[in-house]
Amino acid sequence: MLNIEDSLIVIIDIQEKLVNAVGKYSPVDKVCKIAQAGKILGIPTIITEQYPKGLGETVQPLKEALSEDYLYVEKKSFSTLLTPEFVEKLENTHRKQIVIMGIEAHICVYQTICDLIDRGYEVYFVKDGSASRNKYEFKTGVDLIRQVGAKVTCCEIVLFEWLKTSAHEDFKPVQALIK
């Protein structure tokens, strides 16, 4: 089960052109809720952008949801763990539970999850915080993610696993994110 002290949020490539490409399957709303909860609860966040010159920057709603001290990594590799800057930032957090989401689920998110699991991380894939350009690729990606050992979860489950109880001091502001 997730806990605040061991969690790290990793958000993969929620960029302008990719969000437009997934259209009605856009995960931006759920990703923003996770980012806002991370800000409230003090959970570190790493954001990646795949070739921003061509795919655009992280979408504005997500930029606004992030805490000021989020970590940023530009990448060209599909797995973020092939980017030394990401690995350094990941290791410096000393967190072992990775809450991961993004676009494209069957490419960058999947390959990153495989490498995280290979390195011994406990990985939680936020299904409703992820997307692919078509449903078949998304479903196949989710199936593979489950097969490699990631826990498939959703936004609300993550938020309430972090809180554990309605007596948590940040219960009301986090609950307000889903009302």
C-alpha atoms as a PDB file:
ATOM      1  CA  MET A   1       0.000   0.000   0.000  1.00  0.00           C
ATOM      2  CA  LEU A   2       1.201   3.521  -0.786  1.00  0.00           C
ATOM      3  CA  ASN A   3       2.562   5.821   1.877  1.00  0.00           C
ATOM      4  CA  ILE A   4       3.471   9.487   1.659  1.00  0.00           C
ATOM      5  CA  GLU A   5       7.039   9.152   2.930  1.00  0.00           C
ATOM      6  CA  ASP A   6       8.066   6.586   0.298  1.00  0.00           C
ATOM      7  CA  SER A   7       6.094   7.923  -2.693  1.00  0.00           C
ATOM      8  CA  LEU A   8       7.428   9.768  -5.715  1.00  0.00           C
ATOM      9  CA  ILE A   9       5.186  11.015  -8.522  1.00  0.00           C
ATOM     10  CA  VAL A  10       6.499  10.571 -12.081  1.00  0.00           C
ATOM     11  CA  ILE A  11       4.507  12.260 -14.848  1.00  0.00           C
ATOM     12  CA  ILE A  12       5.531  11.288 -18.371  1.00  0.00           C
ATOM     13  CA  ASP A  13       5.105  13.623 -21.353  1.00  0.00           C
ATOM     14  CA  ILE A  14       1.806  15.417 -20.716  1.00  0.00           C
ATOM     15  CA  GLN A  15       2.648  17.757 -23.587  1.00  0.00           C
ATOM     16  CA  GLU A  16       0.553  19.871 -25.937  1.00  0.00           C
ATOM     17  CA  LYS A  17       0.733  17.743 -29.106  1.00  0.00           C
ATOM     18  CA  LEU A  18       0.448  14.436 -27.260  1.00  0.00           C
ATOM     19  CA  VAL A  19      -2.595  15.609 -25.296  1.00  0.00           C
ATOM     20  CA  ASN A  20      -4.197  16.740 -28.570  1.00  0.00           C
ATOM     21  CA  ALA A  21      -3.380  13.372 -30.174  1.00  0.00           C
ATOM     22  CA  VAL A  22      -5.205  11.380 -27.469  1.00  0.00           C
ATOM     23  CA  GLY A  23      -8.242  13.670 -27.765  1.00  0.00           C
ATOM     24  CA  LYS A  24     -11.196  12.550 -25.688  1.00  0.00           C
ATOM     25  CA  TYR A  25      -8.967  10.124 -23.749  1.00  0.00           C
ATOM     26  CA  SER A  26      -6.955  12.992 -22.272  1.00  0.00           C
ATOM     27  CA  PRO A  27      -5.752  12.226 -18.732  1.00  0.00           C
ATOM     28  CA  VAL A  28      -4.960  15.864 -17.883  1.00  0.00           C
ATOM     29  CA  ASP A  29      -7.708  16.232 -15.249  1.00  0.00           C
ATOM     30  CA  LYS A  30      -6.610  13.167 -13.245  1.00  0.00           C
ATOM     31  CA  VAL A  31      -2.910  13.999 -13.610  1.00  0.00           C
ATOM     32  CA  CYS A  32      -3.569  17.499 -12.265  1.00  0.00           C
ATOM     33  CA  LYS A  33      -5.394  16.048  -9.250  1.00  0.00           C
ATOM     34  CA  ILE A  34      -2.444  13.771  -8.452  1.00  0.00           C
ATOM     35  CA  ALA A  35      -0.022  16.705  -8.885  1.00  0.00           C
ATOM     36  CA  GLN A  36      -2.131  18.933  -6.614  1.00  0.00           C
ATOM     37  CA  ALA A  37      -2.342  16.212  -3.968  1.00  0.00           C
ATOM     38  CA  GLY A  38       1.429  15.809  -4.205  1.00  0.00           C
ATOM     39  CA  LYS A  39       1.818  19.533  -3.597  1.00  0.00           C
ATOM     40  CA  ILE A  40      -0.505  19.422  -0.564  1.00  0.00           C
ATOM     41  CA  LEU A  41       1.136  16.309   0.900  1.00  0.00           C
ATOM     42  CA  GLY A  42       4.753  17.246   0.113  1.00  0.00           C
ATOM     43  CA  ILE A  43       5.372  14.349  -2.269  1.00  0.00           C
ATOM     44  CA  PRO A  44       8.182  15.031  -4.767  1.00  0.00           C
ATOM     45  CA  THR A  45       7.275  15.069  -8.453  1.00  0.00           C
ATOM     46  CA  ILE A  46       9.345  14.520 -11.573  1.00  0.00           C
ATOM     47  CA  ILE A  47       7.933  15.742 -14.902  1.00  0.00           C
ATOM     48  CA  THR A  48       9.370  14.632 -18.235  1.00  0.00           C
ATOM     49  CA  GLU A  49       9.035  16.088 -21.707  1.00  0.00           C
ATOM     50  CA  GLN A  50       9.862  14.095 -24.831  1.00  0.00           C
ATOM     51  CA  TYR A  51      11.474  16.340 -27.448  1.00  0.00           C
ATOM     52  CA  PRO A  52       9.573  19.518 -26.448  1.00  0.00           C
ATOM     53  CA  LYS A  53      10.730  21.379 -29.558  1.00  0.00           C
ATOM     54  CA  GLY A  54       8.528  19.083 -31.637  1.00  0.00           C
ATOM     55  CA  LEU A  55       5.844  17.945 -29.167  1.00  0.00           C
ATOM     56  CA  GLY A  56       5.366  21.162 -27.225  1.00  0.00           C
ATOM     57  CA  GLU A  57       5.680  21.885 -23.545  1.00  0.00           C
ATOM     58  CA  THR A  58       3.832  20.423 -20.585  1.00  0.00           C
ATOM     59  CA  VAL A  59       0.212  21.606 -20.797  1.00  0.00           C
ATOM     60  CA  GLN A  60      -0.646  24.742 -18.827  1.00  0.00           C
ATOM     61  CA  PRO A  61      -3.201  23.189 -16.421  1.00  0.00           C
ATOM     62  CA  LEU A  62      -0.548  20.740 -15.222  1.00  0.00           C
ATOM     63  CA  LYS A  63       2.088  23.464 -14.858  1.00  0.00           C
ATOM     64  CA  GLU A  64      -0.363  25.354 -12.640  1.00  0.00           C
ATOM     65  CA  ALA A  65      -1.089  22.251 -10.524  1.00  0.00           C
ATOM     66  CA  LEU A  66       2.547  21.480  -9.732  1.00  0.00           C
ATOM     67  CA  SER A  67       4.431  22.548  -6.644  1.00  0.00           C
ATOM     68  CA  GLU A  68       7.164  25.101  -7.248  1.00  0.00           C
ATOM     69  CA  ASP A  69       9.920  22.600  -6.464  1.00  0.00           C
ATOM     70  CA  TYR A  70       8.985  19.917  -8.993  1.00  0.00           C
ATOM     71  CA  LEU A  71      11.843  18.293 -10.902  1.00  0.00           C
ATOM     72  CA  TYR A  72      11.995  18.553 -14.697  1.00  0.00           C
ATOM     73  CA  VAL A  73      13.733  16.303 -17.212  1.00  0.00           C
ATOM     74  CA  GLU A  74      13.865  16.696 -20.980  1.00  0.00           C
ATOM     75  CA  LYS A  75      14.406  13.391 -22.752  1.00  0.00           C
ATOM     76  CA  LYS A  76      14.748  11.742 -26.132  1.00  0.00           C
ATOM     77  CA  SER A  77      14.672   8.125 -24.969  1.00  0.00           C
ATOM     78  CA  PHE A  78      11.397   6.310 -24.490  1.00  0.00           C
ATOM     79  CA  SER A  79      12.339   4.942 -21.067  1.00  0.00           C
ATOM     80  CA  THR A  80      13.159   7.846 -18.799  1.00  0.00           C
ATOM     81  CA  LEU A  81      15.757   5.669 -17.095  1.00  0.00           C
ATOM     82  CA  LEU A  82      17.933   5.943 -20.212  1.00  0.00           C
ATOM     83  CA  THR A  83      18.294   9.654 -19.382  1.00  0.00           C
ATOM     84  CA  PRO A  84      21.092  10.075 -16.784  1.00  0.00           C
ATOM     85  CA  GLU A  85      19.574  13.306 -15.433  1.00  0.00           C
ATOM     86  CA  PHE A  86      16.343  11.455 -14.602  1.00  0.00           C
ATOM     87  CA  VAL A  87      18.190   8.613 -12.868  1.00  0.00           C
ATOM     88  CA  GLU A  88      20.133  11.096 -10.741  1.00  0.00           C
ATOM     89  CA  LYS A  89      16.969  12.961  -9.713  1.00  0.00           C
ATOM     90  CA  LEU A  90      15.137   9.688  -9.045  1.00  0.00           C
ATOM     91  CA  GLU A  91      17.898   8.340  -6.828  1.00  0.00           C
ATOM     92  CA  ASN A  92      18.302  11.632  -4.955  1.00  0.00           C
ATOM     93  CA  THR A  93      14.680  11.461  -3.758  1.00  0.00           C
ATOM     94  CA  HIS A  94      15.399   8.195  -1.872  1.00  0.00           C
ATOM     95  CA  ARG A  95      11.795   7.130  -2.575  1.00  0.00           C
ATOM     96  CA  LYS A  96      10.918   3.535  -3.475  1.00  0.00           C
ATOM     97  CA  GLN A  97       7.216   3.764  -4.397  1.00  0.00           C
ATOM     98  CA  ILE A  98       6.754   5.289  -7.839  1.00  0.00           C
ATOM     99  CA  VAL A  99       3.308   6.613  -8.766  1.00  0.00           C
ATOM    100  CA  ILE A 100       3.561   6.919 -12.544  1.00  0.00           C
ATOM    101  CA  MET A 101       1.250   8.132 -15.299  1.00  0.00           C
ATOM    102  CA  GLY A 102       1.443   9.764 -18.702  1.00  0.00           C
ATOM    103  CA  ILE A 103       1.321   9.576 -22.489  1.00  0.00           C
ATOM    104  CA  GLU A 104       1.870   7.256 -24.335  1.00  0.00           C
ATOM    105  CA  ALA A 105       1.022   4.445 -21.952  1.00  0.00           C
ATOM    106  CA  HIS A 106       2.185   1.691 -24.299  1.00  0.00           C
ATOM    107  CA  ILE A 107       5.535   3.321 -25.139  1.00  0.00           C
ATOM    108  CA  CYS A 108       7.239   5.748 -22.742  1.00  0.00           C
ATOM    109  CA  VAL A 109       5.227   4.879 -19.650  1.00  0.00           C
ATOM    110  CA  TYR A 110       5.515   1.122 -20.248  1.00  0.00           C
ATOM    111  CA  GLN A 111       9.255   1.176 -20.966  1.00  0.00           C
ATOM    112  CA  THR A 112       9.912   3.360 -17.923  1.00  0.00           C
ATOM    113  CA  ILE A 113       7.878   1.015 -15.719  1.00  0.00           C
ATOM    114  CA  CYS A 114       9.872  -1.991 -16.961  1.00  0.00           C
ATOM    115  CA  ASP A 115      13.154  -0.289 -16.080  1.00  0.00           C
ATOM    116  CA  LEU A 116      11.884   0.900 -12.682  1.00  0.00           C
ATOM    117  CA  ILE A 117      10.788  -2.619 -11.751  1.00  0.00           C
ATOM    118  CA  ASP A 118      14.141  -4.007 -12.957  1.00  0.00           C
ATOM    119  CA  ARG A 119      15.825  -1.594 -10.502  1.00  0.00           C
ATOM    120  CA  GLY A 120      13.687  -2.776  -7.601  1.00  0.00           C
ATOM    121  CA  TYR A 121      11.124   0.016  -7.356  1.00  0.00           C
ATOM    122  CA  GLU A 122       7.526  -0.626  -6.332  1.00  0.00           C
ATOM    123  CA  VAL A 123       5.496   0.815  -9.212  1.00  0.00           C
ATOM    124  CA  TYR A 124       1.899   2.055  -9.165  1.00  0.00           C
ATOM    125  CA  PHE A 125       0.539   2.788 -12.654  1.00  0.00           C
ATOM    126  CA  VAL A 126      -2.297   5.342 -12.589  1.00  0.00           C
ATOM    127  CA  LYS A 127      -4.506   4.035 -15.381  1.00  0.00           C
ATOM    128  CA  ASP A 128      -6.903   6.998 -15.517  1.00  0.00           C
ATOM    129  CA  GLY A 129      -3.902   9.353 -15.498  1.00  0.00           C
ATOM    130  CA  SER A 130      -2.546   7.785 -18.684  1.00  0.00           C
ATOM    131  CA  ALA A 131      -3.490   7.496 -22.347  1.00  0.00           C
ATOM    132  CA  SER A 132      -2.443   6.347 -25.796  1.00  0.00           C
ATOM    133  CA  ARG A 133      -3.566   7.518 -29.215  1.00  0.00           C
ATOM    134  CA  ASN A 134      -5.861   4.550 -29.662  1.00  0.00           C
ATOM    135  CA  LYS A 135      -7.732   2.225 -27.333  1.00  0.00           C
ATOM    136  CA  TYR A 136      -6.109  -1.000 -28.576  1.00  0.00           C
ATOM    137  CA  GLU A 137      -2.578   0.259 -27.905  1.00  0.00           C
ATOM    138  CA  PHE A 138      -3.657   1.569 -24.507  1.00  0.00           C
ATOM    139  CA  LYS A 139      -5.269  -1.734 -23.532  1.00  0.00           C
ATOM    140  CA  THR A 140      -2.232  -3.696 -24.710  1.00  0.00           C
ATOM    141  CA  GLY A 141       0.063  -1.353 -22.780  1.00  0.00           C
ATOM    142  CA  VAL A 142      -1.988  -1.776 -19.597  1.00  0.00           C
ATOM    143  CA  ASP A 143      -1.935  -5.571 -20.011  1.00  0.00           C
ATOM    144  CA  LEU A 144       1.860  -5.538 -20.379  1.00  0.00           C
ATOM    145  CA  ILE A 145       2.278  -3.135 -17.453  1.00  0.00           C
ATOM    146  CA  ARG A 146       0.279  -5.520 -15.268  1.00  0.00           C
ATOM    147  CA  GLN A 147       2.311  -8.523 -16.541  1.00  0.00           C
ATOM    148  CA  VAL A 148       5.658  -6.956 -15.601  1.00  0.00           C
ATOM    149  CA  GLY A 149       4.459  -6.469 -12.030  1.00  0.00           C
ATOM    150  CA  ALA A 150       3.223  -2.910 -11.659  1.00  0.00           C
ATOM    151  CA  LYS A 151       0.131  -2.315  -9.561  1.00  0.00           C
ATOM    152  CA  VAL A 152      -2.598  -0.865 -11.782  1.00  0.00           C
ATOM    153  CA  THR A 153      -4.549   1.769  -9.876  1.00  0.00           C
ATOM    154  CA  CYS A 154      -6.506   4.998 -10.359  1.00  0.00           C
ATOM    155  CA  CYS A 155      -6.444   8.576  -9.109  1.00  0.00           C
ATOM    156  CA  GLU A 156      -8.890   8.222  -6.211  1.00  0.00           C
ATOM    157  CA  ILE A 157      -7.315   5.028  -4.906  1.00  0.00           C
ATOM    158  CA  VAL A 158      -3.908   6.740  -4.848  1.00  0.00           C
ATOM    159  CA  LEU A 159      -5.227   9.794  -3.002  1.00  0.00           C
ATOM    160  CA  PHE A 160      -6.975   7.782  -0.304  1.00  0.00           C
ATOM    161  CA  GLU A 161      -4.072   5.339   0.128  1.00  0.00           C
ATOM    162  CA  TRP A 162      -1.852   8.336   0.838  1.00  0.00           C
ATOM    163  CA  LEU A 163      -4.318   9.733   3.393  1.00  0.00           C
ATOM    164  CA  LYS A 164      -5.122   6.418   5.131  1.00  0.00           C
ATOM    165  CA  THR A 165      -7.809   8.079   7.301  1.00  0.00           C
ATOM    166  CA  SER A 166     -10.272  10.974   7.332  1.00  0.00           C
ATOM    167  CA  ALA A 167      -8.398  12.148  10.434  1.00  0.00           C
ATOM    168  CA  HIS A 168      -5.336  13.025   8.301  1.00  0.00           C
ATOM    169  CA  GLU A 169      -4.532  16.727   8.643  1.00  0.00           C
ATOM    170  CA  ASP A 170      -4.759  17.217   4.859  1.00  0.00           C
ATOM    171  CA  PHE A 171      -7.918  15.145   4.337  1.00  0.00           C
ATOM    172  CA  LYS A 172     -10.208  18.064   3.462  1.00  0.00           C
ATOM    173  CA  PRO A 173      -7.996  19.757   0.838  1.00  0.00           C
ATOM    174  CA  VAL A 174      -7.199  16.420  -0.823  1.00  0.00           C
ATOM    175  CA  GLN A 175     -10.823  15.261  -0.742  1.00  0.00           C
ATOM    176  CA  ALA A 176     -11.829  18.588  -2.296  1.00  0.00           C
ATOM    177  CA  LEU A 177      -9.805  17.657  -5.399  1.00  0.00           C
ATOM    178  CA  ILE A 178     -12.296  14.924  -6.281  1.00  0.00           C
ATOM    179  CA  LYS A 179     -15.562  16.609  -5.327  1.00  0.00           C
END
